[in-house]
PDB file of N, CA and C in Angstrom:
ATOM      1  N   MET A   1     -35.930  66.592 -26.313  1.00  0.00           N
ATOM      2  CA  MET A   1     -36.237  67.177 -24.704  1.00  0.00           C
ATOM      3  C   MET A   1     -36.203  65.729 -24.104  1.00  0.00           C
ATOM      4  N   LYS A   2     -36.260  64.634 -24.544  1.00  0.00           N
ATOM      5  CA  LYS A   2     -36.298  63.394 -23.690  1.00  0.00           C
ATOM      6  C   LYS A   2     -34.636  63.289 -23.393  1.00  0.00           C
ATOM      7  N   ASP A   3     -33.947  62.918 -24.376  1.00  0.00           N
ATOM      8  CA  ASP A   3     -32.767  63.214 -23.776  1.00  0.00           C
ATOM      9  C   ASP A   3     -32.287  63.984 -22.493  1.00  0.00           C
ATOM     10  N   THR A   4     -32.837  65.288 -22.459  1.00  0.00           N
ATOM     11  CA  THR A   4     -32.243  66.115 -22.165  1.00  0.00           C
ATOM     12  C   THR A   4     -32.599  66.010 -20.611  1.00  0.00           C
ATOM     13  N   GLN A   5     -33.591  65.322 -20.383  1.00  0.00           N
ATOM     14  CA  GLN A   5     -34.795  64.951 -18.908  1.00  0.00           C
ATOM     15  C   GLN A   5     -33.895  63.830 -18.732  1.00  0.00           C
ATOM     16  N   GLU A   6     -33.122  62.696 -19.281  1.00  0.00           N
ATOM     17  CA  GLU A   6     -32.720  61.479 -18.421  1.00  0.00           C
ATOM     18  C   GLU A   6     -31.374  61.897 -18.123  1.00  0.00           C
ATOM     19  N   ASN A   7     -30.704  63.397 -18.859  1.00  0.00           N
ATOM     20  CA  ASN A   7     -29.413  63.590 -18.359  1.00  0.00           C
ATOM     21  C   ASN A   7     -29.972  64.282 -17.102  1.00  0.00           C
ATOM     22  N   VAL A   8     -30.863  64.958 -16.396  1.00  0.00           N
ATOM     23  CA  VAL A   8     -31.043  65.531 -15.340  1.00  0.00           C
ATOM     24  C   VAL A   8     -30.614  64.587 -14.339  1.00  0.00           C
ATOM     25  N   VAL A   9     -29.887  65.088 -12.961  1.00  0.00           N
ATOM     26  CA  VAL A   9     -29.886  64.031 -12.137  1.00  0.00           C
ATOM     27  C   VAL A   9     -30.964  64.109 -10.946  1.00  0.00           C
ATOM     28  N   PRO A  10     -30.858  63.431 -10.263  1.00  0.00           N
ATOM     29  CA  PRO A  10     -32.857  63.598  -9.165  1.00  0.00           C
ATOM     30  C   PRO A  10     -32.606  65.288  -8.522  1.00  0.00           C
ATOM     31  N   ALA A  11     -31.747  65.637  -7.993  1.00  0.00           N
ATOM     32  CA  ALA A  11     -31.872  66.763  -7.368  1.00  0.00           C
ATOM     33  C   ALA A  11     -32.718  67.888  -8.103  1.00  0.00           C
ATOM     34  N   GLN A  12     -31.879  68.137  -9.480  1.00  0.00           N
ATOM     35  CA  GLN A  12     -32.445  68.993 -10.216  1.00  0.00           C
ATOM     36  C   GLN A  12     -33.811  68.417 -11.191  1.00  0.00           C
ATOM     37  N   ALA A  13     -33.580  67.336 -11.287  1.00  0.00           N
ATOM     38  CA  ALA A  13     -35.217  66.657 -11.720  1.00  0.00           C
ATOM     39  C   ALA A  13     -36.302  67.194 -10.839  1.00  0.00           C
ATOM     40  N   ALA A  14     -36.930  67.221  -9.747  1.00  0.00           N
ATOM     41  CA  ALA A  14     -37.373  68.088  -8.832  1.00  0.00           C
ATOM     42  C   ALA A  14     -37.893  69.493  -9.368  1.00  0.00           C
ATOM     43  N   VAL A  15     -36.845  70.084  -9.215  1.00  0.00           N
ATOM     44  CA  VAL A  15     -36.632  71.781  -9.735  1.00  0.00           C
ATOM     45  C   VAL A  15     -37.217  71.673 -11.196  1.00  0.00           C
ATOM     46  N   ALA A  16     -36.561  71.308 -11.870  1.00  0.00           N
ATOM     47  CA  ALA A  16     -36.813  71.278 -13.332  1.00  0.00           C
ATOM     48  C   ALA A  16     -37.880  70.731 -13.857  1.00  0.00           C
ATOM     49  N   ASP A  17     -39.104  69.999 -13.336  1.00  0.00           N
ATOM     50  CA  ASP A  17     -40.144  69.655 -13.435  1.00  0.00           C
ATOM     51  C   ASP A  17     -41.248  70.669 -12.424  1.00  0.00           C
ATOM     52  N   HIS A  18     -41.292  71.455 -12.907  1.00  0.00           N
ATOM     53  CA  HIS A  18     -42.217  72.801 -12.269  1.00  0.00           C
ATOM     54  C   HIS A  18     -42.876  73.011 -13.080  1.00  0.00           C
ATOM     55  N   SER A  19     -43.405  72.677 -14.232  1.00  0.00           N
ATOM     56  CA  SER A  19     -44.533  73.075 -15.380  1.00  0.00           C
ATOM     57  C   SER A  19     -45.807  72.796 -14.333  1.00  0.00           C
ATOM     58  N   PRO A  20     -46.809  73.273 -14.882  1.00  0.00           N
ATOM     59  CA  PRO A  20     -48.223  73.428 -14.156  1.00  0.00           C
ATOM     60  C   PRO A  20     -48.981  71.739 -14.519  1.00  0.00           C
ATOM     61  N   ALA A  21     -48.714  71.123 -15.027  1.00  0.00           N
ATOM     62  CA  ALA A  21     -49.156  69.849 -15.700  1.00  0.00           C
ATOM     63  C   ALA A  21     -48.378  68.996 -14.067  1.00  0.00           C
ATOM     64  N   ALA A  22     -47.047  69.638 -13.579  1.00  0.00           N
ATOM     65  CA  ALA A  22     -46.979  68.594 -12.876  1.00  0.00           C
ATOM     66  C   ALA A  22     -47.509  68.690 -11.365  1.00  0.00           C
ATOM     67  N   GLY A  23     -48.460  69.617 -11.130  1.00  0.00           N
ATOM     68  CA  GLY A  23     -49.387  69.936 -10.324  1.00  0.00           C
ATOM     69  C   GLY A  23     -48.147  70.086  -8.904  1.00  0.00           C
ATOM     70  N   SER A  24     -49.304  70.363  -7.712  1.00  0.00           N
ATOM     71  CA  SER A  24     -48.657  70.559  -6.453  1.00  0.00           C
ATOM     72  C   SER A  24     -47.616  69.774  -5.644  1.00  0.00           C
ATOM     73  N   ASP A  25     -47.586  68.426  -6.126  1.00  0.00           N
ATOM     74  CA  ASP A  25     -46.791  67.317  -6.265  1.00  0.00           C
ATOM     75  C   ASP A  25     -45.206  67.962  -6.410  1.00  0.00           C
ATOM     76  N   GLY A  26     -45.009  68.725  -7.468  1.00  0.00           N
ATOM     77  CA  GLY A  26     -43.644  68.867  -7.528  1.00  0.00           C
ATOM     78  C   GLY A  26     -43.546  70.223  -6.824  1.00  0.00           C
ATOM     79  N   LEU A  27     -44.059  71.216  -6.062  1.00  0.00           N
ATOM     80  CA  LEU A  27     -44.119  71.879  -5.483  1.00  0.00           C
ATOM     81  C   LEU A  27     -43.649  71.975  -4.300  1.00  0.00           C
ATOM     82  N   GLU A  28     -44.554  70.818  -3.704  1.00  0.00           N
ATOM     83  CA  GLU A  28     -44.142  70.211  -2.557  1.00  0.00           C
ATOM     84  C   GLU A  28     -42.929  70.038  -2.272  1.00  0.00           C
ATOM     85  N   ALA A  29     -42.124  68.873  -3.244  1.00  0.00           N
ATOM     86  CA  ALA A  29     -41.066  67.923  -3.130  1.00  0.00           C
ATOM     87  C   ALA A  29     -39.999  69.218  -3.624  1.00  0.00           C
ATOM     88  N   VAL A  30     -40.431  70.450  -3.941  1.00  0.00           N
ATOM     89  CA  VAL A  30     -39.052  71.204  -3.818  1.00  0.00           C
ATOM     90  C   VAL A  30     -39.139  72.112  -2.679  1.00  0.00           C
ATOM     91  N   SER A  31     -40.721  72.358  -2.552  1.00  0.00           N
ATOM     92  CA  SER A  31     -40.468  72.785  -0.837  1.00  0.00           C
ATOM     93  C   SER A  31     -40.036  72.292   0.126  1.00  0.00           C
ATOM     94  N   GLU A  32     -39.919  71.176   0.311  1.00  0.00           N
ATOM     95  CA  GLU A  32     -39.715  70.322   0.973  1.00  0.00           C
ATOM     96  C   GLU A  32     -37.909  69.800   1.406  1.00  0.00           C
ATOM     97  N   ARG A  33     -37.593  70.133  -0.292  1.00  0.00           N
ATOM     98  CA  ARG A  33     -36.200  69.800  -0.459  1.00  0.00           C
ATOM     99  C   ARG A  33     -35.217  71.239   0.400  1.00  0.00           C
ATOM    100  N   ILE A  34     -36.078  72.265   0.084  1.00  0.00           N
ATOM    101  CA  ILE A  34     -35.615  73.519   0.158  1.00  0.00           C
ATOM    102  C   ILE A  34     -35.677  73.768   1.901  1.00  0.00           C
ATOM    103  N   ALA A  35     -37.001  73.389   2.220  1.00  0.00           N
ATOM    104  CA  ALA A  35     -36.642  73.339   4.168  1.00  0.00           C
ATOM    105  C   ALA A  35     -35.775  72.456   4.765  1.00  0.00           C
ATOM    106  N   ASP A  36     -35.455  71.301   3.894  1.00  0.00           N
ATOM    107  CA  ASP A  36     -34.491  70.139   4.194  1.00  0.00           C
ATOM    108  C   ASP A  36     -33.337  70.841   4.426  1.00  0.00           C
ATOM    109  N   LEU A  37     -33.323  71.388   3.519  1.00  0.00           N
ATOM    110  CA  LEU A  37     -31.329  72.667   2.868  1.00  0.00           C
ATOM    111  C   LEU A  37     -31.486  73.492   4.340  1.00  0.00           C
ATOM    112  N   GLU A  38     -32.203  74.079   4.476  1.00  0.00           N
ATOM    113  CA  GLU A  38     -32.390  75.076   5.412  1.00  0.00           C
ATOM    114  C   GLU A  38     -32.222  74.734   6.613  1.00  0.00           C
ATOM    115  N   ILE A  39     -32.410  73.219   6.975  1.00  0.00           N
ATOM    116  CA  ILE A  39     -32.176  72.901   8.381  1.00  0.00           C
ATOM    117  C   ILE A  39     -30.826  72.489   8.519  1.00  0.00           C
ATOM    118  N   ARG A  40     -30.250  72.038   7.275  1.00  0.00           N
ATOM    119  CA  ARG A  40     -29.185  71.729   7.586  1.00  0.00           C
ATOM    120  C   ARG A  40     -27.816  72.699   7.355  1.00  0.00           C
ATOM    121  N   LEU A  41     -28.608  73.959   6.743  1.00  0.00           N
ATOM    122  CA  LEU A  41     -27.285  75.068   6.938  1.00  0.00           C
ATOM    123  C   LEU A  41     -27.432  75.572   8.676  1.00  0.00           C
ATOM    124  N   ALA A  42     -29.129  75.943   8.930  1.00  0.00           N
ATOM    125  CA  ALA A  42     -28.505  76.565  10.241  1.00  0.00           C
ATOM    126  C   ALA A  42     -28.114  75.455  11.171  1.00  0.00           C
ATOM    127  N   ALA A  43     -27.840  74.018  10.457  1.00  0.00           N
ATOM    128  CA  ALA A  43     -27.259  73.036  11.485  1.00  0.00           C
ATOM    129  C   ALA A  43     -25.734  72.870  10.979  1.00  0.00           C
ATOM    130  N   THR A  44     -24.916  73.309   9.643  1.00  0.00           N
ATOM    131  CA  THR A  44     -23.733  73.920   9.566  1.00  0.00           C
ATOM    132  C   THR A  44     -23.139  75.159   9.871  1.00  0.00           C
ATOM    133  N   GLU A  45     -24.677  76.386   9.976  1.00  0.00           N
ATOM    134  CA  GLU A  45     -23.679  77.251  10.913  1.00  0.00           C
ATOM    135  C   GLU A  45     -23.414  77.138  12.004  1.00  0.00           C
ATOM    136  N   ASP A  46     -24.164  76.659  13.115  1.00  0.00           N
ATOM    137  CA  ASP A  46     -24.055  76.410  14.296  1.00  0.00           C
ATOM    138  C   ASP A  46     -22.807  75.807  14.361  1.00  0.00           C
ATOM    139  N   LEU A  47     -22.542  74.402  13.755  1.00  0.00           N
ATOM    140  CA  LEU A  47     -21.263  74.033  13.878  1.00  0.00           C
ATOM    141  C   LEU A  47     -20.033  74.580  13.230  1.00  0.00           C
ATOM    142  N   VAL A  48     -20.187  75.772  12.432  1.00  0.00           N
ATOM    143  CA  VAL A  48     -19.290  76.563  12.197  1.00  0.00           C
ATOM    144  C   VAL A  48     -19.261  77.331  13.562  1.00  0.00           C
ATOM    145  N   GLU A  49     -19.863  78.144  14.252  1.00  0.00           N
ATOM    146  CA  GLU A  49     -19.767  78.978  15.047  1.00  0.00           C
ATOM    147  C   GLU A  49     -19.272  78.247  16.784  1.00  0.00           C
ATOM    148  N   THR A  50     -19.181  76.791  16.574  1.00  0.00           N
ATOM    149  CA  THR A  50     -18.931  76.096  17.629  1.00  0.00           C
ATOM    150  C   THR A  50     -17.119  76.129  17.772  1.00  0.00           C
ATOM    151  N   LEU A  51     -17.499  75.513  16.551  1.00  0.00           N
ATOM    152  CA  LEU A  51     -15.955  75.179  15.746  1.00  0.00           C
ATOM    153  C   LEU A  51     -15.147  76.685  16.351  1.00  0.00           C
ATOM    154  N   ASN A  52     -15.312  77.330  15.754  1.00  0.00           N
ATOM    155  CA  ASN A  52     -14.625  78.915  15.877  1.00  0.00           C
ATOM    156  C   ASN A  52     -14.430  79.210  17.337  1.00  0.00           C
ATOM    157  N   LEU A  53     -15.409  79.462  18.242  1.00  0.00           N
ATOM    158  CA  LEU A  53     -15.091  79.782  19.502  1.00  0.00           C
ATOM    159  C   LEU A  53     -14.233  78.882  20.105  1.00  0.00           C
ATOM    160  N   GLU A  54     -14.164  77.570  19.856  1.00  0.00           N
ATOM    161  CA  GLU A  54     -13.295  76.084  20.708  1.00  0.00           C
ATOM    162  C   GLU A  54     -12.179  76.536  20.070  1.00  0.00           C
ATOM    163  N   LEU A  55     -12.062  76.860  18.806  1.00  0.00           N
ATOM    164  CA  LEU A  55     -10.271  77.609  18.145  1.00  0.00           C
ATOM    165  C   LEU A  55     -10.067  78.656  18.908  1.00  0.00           C
ATOM    166  N   PHE A  56     -10.680  79.893  19.009  1.00  0.00           N
ATOM    167  CA  PHE A  56     -10.355  80.706  19.630  1.00  0.00           C
ATOM    168  C   PHE A  56     -10.091  80.348  21.136  1.00  0.00           C
ATOM    169  N   ARG A  57     -10.322  79.423  21.525  1.00  0.00           N
ATOM    170  CA  ARG A  57     -10.408  79.038  23.002  1.00  0.00           C
ATOM    171  C   ARG A  57      -8.824  78.447  23.063  1.00  0.00           C
ATOM    172  N   GLN A  58      -8.761  77.868  22.236  1.00  0.00           N
ATOM    173  CA  GLN A  58      -7.160  76.591  22.162  1.00  0.00           C
ATOM    174  C   GLN A  58      -6.198  77.846  21.350  1.00  0.00           C
ATOM    175  N   GLN A  59      -6.363  78.817  20.591  1.00  0.00           N
ATOM    176  CA  GLN A  59      -5.347  80.133  20.445  1.00  0.00           C
ATOM    177  C   GLN A  59      -4.904  80.612  21.503  1.00  0.00           C
ATOM    178  N   GLN A  60      -5.767  81.221  22.401  1.00  0.00           N
ATOM    179  CA  GLN A  60      -5.662  81.593  23.741  1.00  0.00           C
ATOM    180  C   GLN A  60      -4.870  80.875  24.589  1.00  0.00           C
ATOM    181  N   GLN A  61      -5.352  79.569  24.436  1.00  0.00           N
ATOM    182  CA  GLN A  61      -4.777  78.913  25.602  1.00  0.00           C
ATOM    183  C   GLN A  61      -3.296  78.311  25.407  1.00  0.00           C
ATOM    184  N   LEU A  62      -2.613  78.085  23.627  1.00  0.00           N
ATOM    185  CA  LEU A  62      -1.758  78.202  23.133  1.00  0.00           C
ATOM    186  C   LEU A  62      -0.561  79.437  23.147  1.00  0.00           C
ATOM    187  N   ASP A  63      -1.218  80.523  23.548  1.00  0.00           N
ATOM    188  CA  ASP A  63      -0.562  81.748  23.629  1.00  0.00           C
ATOM    189  C   ASP A  63      -0.066  81.990  25.073  1.00  0.00           C
ATOM    190  N   LEU A  64      -0.921  81.673  25.909  1.00  0.00           N
ATOM    191  CA  LEU A  64      -0.623  81.361  27.237  1.00  0.00           C
ATOM    192  C   LEU A  64       0.674  80.553  27.851  1.00  0.00           C
ATOM    193  N   LEU A  65       0.434  79.367  26.833  1.00  0.00           N
ATOM    194  CA  LEU A  65       1.655  78.090  27.454  1.00  0.00           C
ATOM    195  C   LEU A  65       2.943  78.722  26.590  1.00  0.00           C
ATOM    196  N   GLN A  66       3.003  79.477  25.245  1.00  0.00           N
ATOM    197  CA  GLN A  66       4.231  79.910  24.679  1.00  0.00           C
ATOM    198  C   GLN A  66       4.657  80.919  25.489  1.00  0.00           C
ATOM    199  N   GLY A  67       3.753  81.412  25.994  1.00  0.00           N
ATOM    200  CA  GLY A  67       5.018  82.672  27.257  1.00  0.00           C
ATOM    201  C   GLY A  67       5.079  82.098  28.757  1.00  0.00           C
ATOM    202  N   GLN A  68       4.486  81.351  29.024  1.00  0.00           N
ATOM    203  CA  GLN A  68       5.349  80.544  29.995  1.00  0.00           C
ATOM    204  C   GLN A  68       6.670  79.707  29.428  1.00  0.00           C
ATOM    205  N   LEU A  69       6.833  78.719  28.440  1.00  0.00           N
ATOM    206  CA  LEU A  69       7.414  78.299  27.711  1.00  0.00           C
ATOM    207  C   LEU A  69       8.758  79.187  27.337  1.00  0.00           C
ATOM    208  N   ARG A  70       8.060  80.751  26.989  1.00  0.00           N
ATOM    209  CA  ARG A  70       9.458  81.725  27.007  1.00  0.00           C
ATOM    210  C   ARG A  70      10.010  81.727  28.314  1.00  0.00           C
ATOM    211  N   HIS A  71       9.179  81.954  29.134  1.00  0.00           N
ATOM    212  CA  HIS A  71       9.466  82.013  31.018  1.00  0.00           C
ATOM    213  C   HIS A  71      10.394  81.688  31.188  1.00  0.00           C
ATOM    214  N   LEU A  72      10.294  80.229  31.047  1.00  0.00           N
ATOM    215  CA  LEU A  72      11.210  79.001  32.022  1.00  0.00           C
ATOM    216  C   LEU A  72      12.578  78.730  30.994  1.00  0.00           C
ATOM    217  N   HIS A  73      12.575  79.194  29.480  1.00  0.00           N
ATOM    218  CA  HIS A  73      13.800  79.081  28.962  1.00  0.00           C
ATOM    219  C   HIS A  73      14.863  80.707  29.146  1.00  0.00           C
ATOM    220  N   ARG A  74      13.806  81.155  29.902  1.00  0.00           N
ATOM    221  CA  ARG A  74      14.752  82.797  30.401  1.00  0.00           C
ATOM    222  C   ARG A  74      15.258  82.556  31.965  1.00  0.00           C
ATOM    223  N   GLN A  75      14.521  81.672  32.799  1.00  0.00           N
ATOM    224  CA  GLN A  75      14.931  81.120  33.989  1.00  0.00           C
ATOM    225  C   GLN A  75      15.967  80.356  33.763  1.00  0.00           C
ATOM    226  N   MET A  76      15.746  78.884  32.732  1.00  0.00           N
ATOM    227  CA  MET A  76      17.381  77.989  32.744  1.00  0.00           C
ATOM    228  C   MET A  76      18.353  78.899  32.298  1.00  0.00           C
ATOM    229  N   SER A  77      18.105  79.778  31.250  1.00  0.00           N
ATOM    230  CA  SER A  77      19.467  80.325  30.375  1.00  0.00           C
ATOM    231  C   SER A  77      19.969  81.270  32.050  1.00  0.00           C
ATOM    232  N   ASN A  78      19.140  82.159  32.432  1.00  0.00           N
ATOM    233  CA  ASN A  78      19.675  82.636  33.669  1.00  0.00           C
ATOM    234  C   ASN A  78      20.545  81.931  35.013  1.00  0.00           C
ATOM    235  N   THR A  79      19.919  80.404  35.169  1.00  0.00           N
ATOM    236  CA  THR A  79      20.525  79.677  35.820  1.00  0.00           C
ATOM    237  C   THR A  79      21.651  78.969  35.364  1.00  0.00           C
ATOM    238  N   ALA A  80      21.806  78.946  34.177  1.00  0.00           N
ATOM    239  CA  ALA A  80      22.606  78.216  33.603  1.00  0.00           C
ATOM    240  C   ALA A  80      24.094  79.232  33.482  1.00  0.00           C
ATOM    241  N   GLU A  81      23.500  80.514  33.239  1.00  0.00           N
ATOM    242  CA  GLU A  81      24.775  81.992  32.899  1.00  0.00           C
ATOM    243  C   GLU A  81      25.406  81.676  34.471  1.00  0.00           C
ATOM    244  N   ALA A  82      24.687  81.708  35.631  1.00  0.00           N
ATOM    245  CA  ALA A  82      25.206  81.695  36.582  1.00  0.00           C
ATOM    246  C   ALA A  82      25.778  80.892  37.373  1.00  0.00           C
ATOM    247  N   ASN A  83      25.565  79.653  36.783  1.00  0.00           N
ATOM    248  CA  ASN A  83      26.600  78.653  37.010  1.00  0.00           C
ATOM    249  C   ASN A  83      27.931  78.409  36.659  1.00  0.00           C
ATOM    250  N   ALA A  84      27.922  78.818  35.246  1.00  0.00           N
ATOM    251  CA  ALA A  84      29.160  78.889  34.254  1.00  0.00           C
ATOM    252  C   ALA A  84      29.828  79.915  34.567  1.00  0.00           C
ATOM    253  N   ALA A  85      29.478  81.109  35.472  1.00  0.00           N
ATOM    254  CA  ALA A  85      30.016  82.100  35.692  1.00  0.00           C
ATOM    255  C   ALA A  85      30.777  81.698  37.121  1.00  0.00           C
ATOM    256  N   GLY A  86      30.528  80.753  37.893  1.00  0.00           N
ATOM    257  CA  GLY A  86      31.294  80.542  39.016  1.00  0.00           C
ATOM    258  C   GLY A  86      30.532  80.973  40.206  1.00  0.00           C
ATOM    259  N   ALA A  87      29.537  81.564  40.478  1.00  0.00           N
ATOM    260  CA  ALA A  87      28.761  81.651  41.498  1.00  0.00           C
ATOM    261  C   ALA A  87      28.986  80.914  42.459  1.00  0.00           C
ATOM    262  N   PRO A  88      28.805  81.531  43.933  1.00  0.00           N
ATOM    263  CA  PRO A  88      29.104  80.876  45.054  1.00  0.00           C
ATOM    264  C   PRO A  88      28.161  80.470  44.995  1.00  0.00           C
ATOM    265  N   ARG A  89      28.463  78.853  45.578  1.00  0.00           N
ATOM    266  CA  ARG A  89      27.578  77.997  45.912  1.00  0.00           C
ATOM    267  C   ARG A  89      27.151  78.176  47.382  1.00  0.00           C
ATOM    268  N   ASN A  90      26.150  77.680  47.478  1.00  0.00           N
ATOM    269  CA  ASN A  90      25.332  77.886  48.878  1.00  0.00           C
ATOM    270  C   ASN A  90      25.834  75.949  49.114  1.00  0.00           C
ATOM    271  N   ALA A  91      26.373  76.096  50.922  1.00  0.00           N
ATOM    272  CA  ALA A  91      26.809  74.404  51.104  1.00  0.00           C
ATOM    273  C   ALA A  91      26.083  73.579  51.078  1.00  0.00           C
ATOM    274  N   ARG A  92      24.195  73.723  51.679  1.00  0.00           N
ATOM    275  CA  ARG A  92      23.436  72.951  51.685  1.00  0.00           C
ATOM    276  C   ARG A  92      23.233  72.698  50.641  1.00  0.00           C
ATOM    277  N   ASP A  93      22.947  72.606  49.414  1.00  0.00           N
ATOM    278  CA  ASP A  93      23.162  72.235  47.784  1.00  0.00           C
ATOM    279  C   ASP A  93      24.078  71.385  47.641  1.00  0.00           C
ATOM    280  N   GLU A  94      25.150  71.326  48.574  1.00  0.00           N
ATOM    281  CA  GLU A  94      26.105  70.346  48.634  1.00  0.00           C
ATOM    282  C   GLU A  94      25.917  69.017  49.346  1.00  0.00           C
ATOM    283  N   ILE A  95      25.151  68.779  50.334  1.00  0.00           N
ATOM    284  CA  ILE A  95      24.764  68.230  51.426  1.00  0.00           C
ATOM    285  C   ILE A  95      24.139  66.872  50.672  1.00  0.00           C
ATOM    286  N   PRO A  96      24.513  65.887  50.326  1.00  0.00           N
ATOM    287  CA  PRO A  96      23.909  64.728  50.035  1.00  0.00           C
ATOM    288  C   PRO A  96      22.251  64.632  50.446  1.00  0.00           C
ATOM    289  N   PRO A  97      21.632  64.474  50.085  1.00  0.00           N
ATOM    290  CA  PRO A  97      19.862  64.015  50.097  1.00  0.00           C
ATOM    291  C   PRO A  97      19.729  63.232  51.460  1.00  0.00           C
ATOM    292  N   HIS A  98      20.640  62.118  51.655  1.00  0.00           N
ATOM    293  CA  HIS A  98      20.335  61.219  52.932  1.00  0.00           C
ATOM    294  C   HIS A  98      20.796  61.771  54.687  1.00  0.00           C
ATOM    295  N   TYR A  99      21.674  62.964  54.089  1.00  0.00           N
ATOM    296  CA  TYR A  99      21.949  63.582  55.766  1.00  0.00           C
ATOM    297  C   TYR A  99      20.770  64.517  55.955  1.00  0.00           C
TER     298      TYR A  99
END
C-alpha cells in the first residue's frame, strides 16, 4: 500500500487521504481545492463568454467589410467595362489639373 501512496500526485493525495484518521484537516484541504477550482471555473466561463461575444462582433464586421468589398469590385468592373466599350468621355475629365 505504501508504494501506491508514493506514486500518487499531490493533487490526488489530498483526495486519497480522506480516512477518518486524517481528520478535518484533509477535508478542509479538499474543500479549499474545490472552492479554488470553482472560482477558476467561473473565471474561465466568463472569459469564454467574453471571447465568444468578441468573436461574434468580429464576424459581423467581417461580413460587413466583405459586402463593401463586393460592392466596390462591382463598381470597378462596371467602370472598366464602360471605359473599354468606348463610352464618350466628359471633356472636363481631360483637362489637366493645373487649369
